[in-house]
Amino acid sequence: MSARDSLAAVIEKETGATKTASKAAVGKLFETIVKSTKKEGKISLPGFGTFLVAKRAARNGVNPKTGAPLKIKARKTLRFKPAAALRDL
C-alpha cells in the first residue's frame, strides 16, 4: 500500500468520508504543496512543518560503476522542516 493510499485510508476511517473523497483530498493536498512551493518557494503547515525549495550547487561526482569523474548540475530540491511538535517525538 502506498503512502497516498495509507493517508486516504486514515482520512476515510477518521472522518467517515468515502474512499474516493479521501483519495481526492490527499491528492489535492499534495497538489497544493507542489504548486505553492513552485510559486512561492515554501508552504507552511502550522503544527506540522514547512516545505521549502532549496538550491543545490553544482558539484563534482564519481560514476560508481566506472570510477570516472562527472559533473553534477545545480538543481532545486524540496526540503521539509518539521514543526517543534514533530521534532520532539
Protein backbone atom coordinates (compact mmCIF):
# COMPACT_ATOMS: atom_id res chain seq x y z
CA MET A 1 0.00 0.00 0.00
CA SER A 2 1.40 3.40 -0.98
CA ALA A 3 1.72 6.33 1.40
CA ARG A 4 -1.05 8.10 -0.50
CA ASP A 5 -3.40 5.14 -0.02
CA SER A 6 -2.46 4.89 3.66
CA LEU A 7 -3.28 8.55 4.26
CA ALA A 8 -6.55 8.20 2.36
CA ALA A 9 -7.47 5.17 4.49
CA VAL A 10 -6.85 7.13 7.71
CA ILE A 11 -8.96 10.05 6.46
CA GLU A 12 -11.71 7.64 5.44
CA LYS A 13 -11.69 5.95 8.85
CA GLU A 14 -11.48 9.12 10.95
CA THR A 15 -14.00 11.25 9.05
CA GLY A 16 -16.37 8.68 7.59
CA ALA A 17 -15.76 10.09 4.11
CA THR A 18 -15.89 7.82 1.10
CA LYS A 19 -12.75 6.19 -0.25
CA THR A 20 -12.96 8.29 -3.41
CA ALA A 21 -13.35 11.54 -1.46
CA SER A 22 -10.46 10.62 0.83
CA LYS A 23 -8.15 9.89 -2.10
CA ALA A 24 -9.20 13.15 -3.74
CA ALA A 25 -8.42 15.09 -0.55
CA VAL A 26 -4.95 13.57 -0.25
CA GLY A 27 -4.28 14.22 -3.94
CA LYS A 28 -5.39 17.84 -3.58
CA LEU A 29 -3.16 18.30 -0.52
CA PHE A 30 -0.09 17.04 -2.39
CA GLU A 31 -1.01 19.12 -5.45
CA THR A 32 -1.32 22.25 -3.28
CA ILE A 33 2.06 21.63 -1.65
CA VAL A 34 3.71 21.27 -5.08
CA LYS A 35 2.01 24.35 -6.57
CA SER A 36 2.75 26.56 -3.56
CA THR A 37 6.39 25.58 -3.34
CA LYS A 38 6.86 26.17 -7.06
CA LYS A 39 5.16 29.57 -6.91
CA GLU A 40 6.24 30.96 -3.54
CA GLY A 41 9.26 28.85 -2.64
CA LYS A 42 7.67 27.45 0.52
CA ILE A 43 4.46 26.43 2.23
CA SER A 44 3.94 26.28 5.97
CA LEU A 45 1.50 23.90 7.63
CA PRO A 46 1.20 25.07 11.26
CA GLY A 47 1.74 22.29 13.76
CA PHE A 48 3.21 20.04 11.06
CA GLY A 49 6.10 21.80 9.36
CA THR A 50 7.32 23.75 6.37
CA PHE A 51 8.11 22.55 2.86
CA LEU A 52 10.65 24.77 1.12
CA VAL A 53 12.65 24.86 -2.08
CA ALA A 54 16.42 24.70 -1.60
CA LYS A 55 19.12 25.15 -4.20
CA ARG A 56 21.86 22.54 -4.56
CA ALA A 57 25.11 23.82 -6.01
CA ALA A 58 26.84 22.15 -8.94
CA ARG A 59 29.45 19.68 -7.79
CA ASN A 60 31.84 17.00 -8.96
CA GLY A 61 30.94 13.36 -8.52
CA VAL A 62 32.17 9.91 -9.44
CA ASN A 63 30.40 7.30 -11.55
CA PRO A 64 30.28 4.35 -9.13
CA LYS A 65 30.35 1.82 -11.97
CA THR A 66 33.40 3.12 -13.83
CA GLY A 67 35.07 5.43 -11.32
CA ALA A 68 35.09 8.20 -13.94
CA PRO A 69 34.64 11.76 -12.69
CA LEU A 70 31.50 13.60 -13.73
CA LYS A 71 29.88 16.97 -13.18
CA ILE A 72 26.54 17.12 -11.40
CA LYS A 73 24.46 20.13 -12.43
CA ALA A 74 22.97 22.61 -9.96
CA ARG A 75 19.31 22.00 -9.21
CA LYS A 76 16.45 22.78 -6.90
CA THR A 77 15.15 20.27 -4.36
CA LEU A 78 12.32 20.14 -1.85
CA ARG A 79 13.20 20.19 1.85
CA PHE A 80 10.98 19.65 4.89
CA LYS A 81 11.50 21.35 8.23
CA PRO A 82 9.29 19.76 10.91
CA ALA A 83 7.39 21.84 13.46
CA ALA A 84 8.53 21.73 17.08
CA ALA A 85 5.77 19.25 17.96
CA LEU A 86 7.15 16.74 15.44
CA ARG A 87 10.80 17.28 16.36
CA ASP A 88 10.14 16.17 19.93
CA LEU A 89 8.65 12.75 19.09
